[in-house]
Amino acid sequence: MTNEEQLIGKFYACFNQRDCVGMQACYHDDIEFSDPVFPHLKGKQPKAMWHMLCAASKDIRITVSDIKADAQTGGCKWNAAYTFSRTNRPVLNKITASFIFKDGKIIQHHDDFNFWAWSKQALGTPGLLLGWTPIIKNKVRRTASNNLIKFIEKNEQYK
């Protein structure tokens, strides 16, 4: 197993334990993160996002598979099973991650998942009917972004 594969494994093991400090230690200071909900985070923003998500998650279970990496790039598949706090609905989100490494840390992290599949689980009928539209996706993005901004404002280390 390469050092980078071990790093990916450590990142998700920490996430499963809701250890945001351990997750953050896997990231380069110049980290760039994107996914369908948080499309353009940089620097302290991704670290704050993981801290916010770990703090809000009461029952998250992370499983990871197909970890592959060399010194430059890597990827894996991972699942997040949790209760979506806004609706109290169970979610099983299936995610594909890709990474770029620098100085032995993750400098770029991109997660991809089916937003409509997620929204059907998390939002129920509105997600089923409209989750494939920009209306729902943009509303979820705005809400998530506003939550992250508020979280950063309350936590000095991310300013």
Protein backbone atom coordinates (compact mmCIF):
# COMPACT_ATOMS: atom_id res chain seq x y z
CA MET A 1 0.00 0.00 0.00
CA THR A 2 1.40 3.43 -0.97
CA ASN A 3 1.74 6.30 1.49
CA GLU A 4 -0.97 8.11 -0.44
CA GLU A 5 -3.34 5.11 -0.18
CA GLN A 6 -2.69 5.07 3.57
CA LEU A 7 -3.43 8.81 3.68
CA ILE A 8 -6.79 8.30 1.96
CA GLY A 9 -7.61 5.46 4.34
CA LYS A 10 -6.68 7.63 7.33
CA PHE A 11 -8.86 10.50 6.06
CA TYR A 12 -11.98 8.31 5.91
CA ALA A 13 -11.18 6.45 9.14
CA CYS A 14 -11.04 9.83 10.86
CA PHE A 15 -14.30 10.86 9.20
CA ASN A 16 -15.97 7.68 10.45
CA GLN A 17 -14.87 8.68 13.98
CA ARG A 18 -15.99 12.30 13.38
CA ASP A 19 -12.37 13.34 13.98
CA CYS A 20 -12.20 16.55 11.96
CA VAL A 21 -8.72 17.39 13.28
CA GLY A 22 -7.41 14.08 11.92
CA MET A 23 -9.13 14.71 8.59
CA GLN A 24 -7.69 18.22 8.39
CA ALA A 25 -4.18 16.88 9.03
CA CYS A 26 -4.47 14.93 5.76
CA TYR A 27 -5.00 18.16 3.81
CA HIS A 28 -2.35 20.51 2.44
CA ASP A 29 -2.74 24.13 3.59
CA ASP A 30 -3.62 25.07 -0.02
CA ILE A 31 -6.36 22.42 -0.30
CA GLU A 32 -9.05 22.80 -2.95
CA PHE A 33 -12.29 20.84 -2.52
CA SER A 34 -15.38 20.44 -4.67
CA ASP A 35 -18.54 18.36 -4.76
CA PRO A 36 -22.10 18.89 -6.03
CA VAL A 37 -23.09 20.82 -2.86
CA PHE A 38 -19.84 22.70 -2.14
CA PRO A 39 -18.45 23.34 -5.63
CA HIS A 40 -15.47 25.66 -4.92
CA LEU A 41 -13.84 25.57 -1.50
CA LYS A 42 -10.22 26.54 -0.88
CA GLY A 43 -7.76 26.86 1.99
CA LYS A 44 -9.47 26.86 5.37
CA GLN A 45 -12.97 26.47 3.86
CA PRO A 46 -12.78 22.69 3.23
CA LYS A 47 -11.34 22.16 6.71
CA ALA A 48 -14.20 24.19 8.18
CA MET A 49 -16.73 22.23 6.10
CA TRP A 50 -15.52 18.87 7.46
CA HIS A 51 -15.53 20.29 11.00
CA MET A 52 -19.10 21.52 10.50
CA LEU A 53 -20.24 18.19 9.05
CA CYS A 54 -18.56 16.16 11.79
CA ALA A 55 -20.10 18.36 14.48
CA ALA A 56 -23.58 18.05 12.96
CA SER A 57 -23.43 14.30 12.30
CA LYS A 58 -24.78 12.20 15.12
CA ASP A 59 -24.97 8.82 13.38
CA ILE A 60 -22.73 8.95 10.31
CA ARG A 61 -21.12 5.71 9.15
CA ILE A 62 -18.39 5.87 6.52
CA THR A 63 -17.20 2.94 4.42
CA VAL A 64 -14.44 3.21 1.86
CA SER A 65 -13.32 0.88 -0.93
CA ASP A 66 -11.21 0.71 -4.08
CA ILE A 67 -8.48 2.98 -2.72
CA LYS A 68 -5.84 3.47 -5.40
CA ALA A 69 -3.09 6.07 -5.42
CA ASP A 70 0.42 6.87 -6.50
CA ALA A 71 2.59 9.83 -5.49
CA GLN A 72 0.61 12.27 -7.67
CA THR A 73 -3.04 11.16 -7.88
CA GLY A 74 -5.52 8.81 -6.31
CA GLY A 75 -9.12 7.91 -5.84
CA CYS A 76 -11.62 5.74 -4.03
CA LYS A 77 -15.27 5.00 -3.60
CA TRP A 78 -16.92 5.80 -0.30
CA ASN A 79 -20.38 5.67 1.22
CA ALA A 80 -21.86 7.92 3.86
CA ALA A 81 -24.88 6.57 5.74
CA TYR A 82 -26.53 9.12 8.03
CA THR A 83 -29.72 10.87 9.03
CA PHE A 84 -30.20 14.17 7.18
CA SER A 85 -30.78 16.62 10.03
CA ARG A 86 -33.16 19.01 8.24
CA THR A 87 -35.70 16.29 7.40
CA ASN A 88 -34.70 13.46 9.75
CA ARG A 89 -34.60 11.16 6.71
CA PRO A 90 -32.03 8.34 6.28
CA VAL A 91 -29.49 8.78 3.50
CA LEU A 92 -26.98 6.44 1.89
CA ASN A 93 -24.81 8.61 -0.34
CA LYS A 94 -22.50 6.76 -2.76
CA ILE A 95 -19.52 8.89 -3.66
CA THR A 96 -16.51 8.67 -5.96
CA ALA A 97 -13.49 10.69 -4.81
CA SER A 98 -10.42 11.81 -6.70
CA PHE A 99 -7.30 13.34 -5.19
CA ILE A 100 -4.12 15.14 -6.15
CA PHE A 101 -1.22 15.07 -3.69
CA LYS A 102 1.55 17.53 -2.87
CA ASP A 103 4.18 17.31 -0.14
CA GLY A 104 2.63 14.06 1.15
CA LYS A 105 -0.81 15.62 1.68
CA ILE A 106 -4.03 16.02 -0.27
CA ILE A 107 -4.00 19.32 -2.19
CA GLN A 108 -7.06 18.68 -4.39
CA HIS A 109 -10.10 16.62 -3.43
CA HIS A 110 -13.11 16.21 -5.69
CA ASP A 111 -16.17 14.20 -4.65
CA ASP A 112 -18.81 13.22 -7.17
CA PHE A 113 -22.25 11.78 -6.45
CA ASN A 114 -25.67 11.62 -8.03
CA PHE A 115 -27.36 14.72 -6.64
CA TRP A 116 -30.84 13.58 -7.62
CA ALA A 117 -30.37 10.22 -5.85
CA TRP A 118 -29.16 12.10 -2.78
CA SER A 119 -32.01 14.63 -2.89
CA LYS A 120 -34.69 11.91 -3.17
CA GLN A 121 -33.39 10.39 0.05
CA ALA A 122 -32.62 13.58 1.96
CA LEU A 123 -35.55 15.74 0.88
CA GLY A 124 -38.29 13.20 0.14
CA THR A 125 -41.01 14.19 -2.34
CA PRO A 126 -39.52 17.60 -3.26
CA GLY A 127 -36.21 15.85 -4.04
CA LEU A 128 -37.96 13.15 -6.03
CA LEU A 129 -39.91 15.63 -8.13
CA LEU A 130 -37.41 18.48 -8.44
CA GLY A 131 -34.05 17.17 -7.26
CA TRP A 132 -32.77 16.89 -10.82
CA THR A 133 -33.48 20.60 -11.49
CA PRO A 134 -31.19 23.58 -10.90
CA ILE A 135 -33.88 25.00 -8.58
CA ILE A 136 -33.30 22.39 -5.85
CA LYS A 137 -29.57 22.06 -6.45
CA ASN A 138 -29.04 25.82 -6.18
CA LYS A 139 -31.24 26.05 -3.06
CA VAL A 140 -29.26 23.26 -1.38
CA ARG A 141 -25.99 24.94 -2.38
CA ARG A 142 -27.12 28.32 -1.02
CA THR A 143 -28.26 26.79 2.26
CA ALA A 144 -25.02 24.81 2.63
CA SER A 145 -22.91 27.86 1.77
CA ASN A 146 -24.78 30.05 4.26
CA ASN A 147 -24.36 27.39 6.95
CA LEU A 148 -20.63 27.21 6.25
CA ILE A 149 -20.28 31.01 6.37
CA LYS A 150 -22.04 31.09 9.76
CA PHE A 151 -19.86 28.24 11.02
CA ILE A 152 -16.68 30.04 9.96
CA GLU A 153 -17.86 33.26 11.62
CA LYS A 154 -18.28 31.36 14.92
CA ASN A 155 -14.91 29.57 14.69
CA GLU A 156 -11.91 31.90 14.66
CA GLN A 157 -9.45 29.26 13.39
CA TYR A 158 -11.14 29.30 9.96
CA LYS A 159 -11.10 33.07 9.36
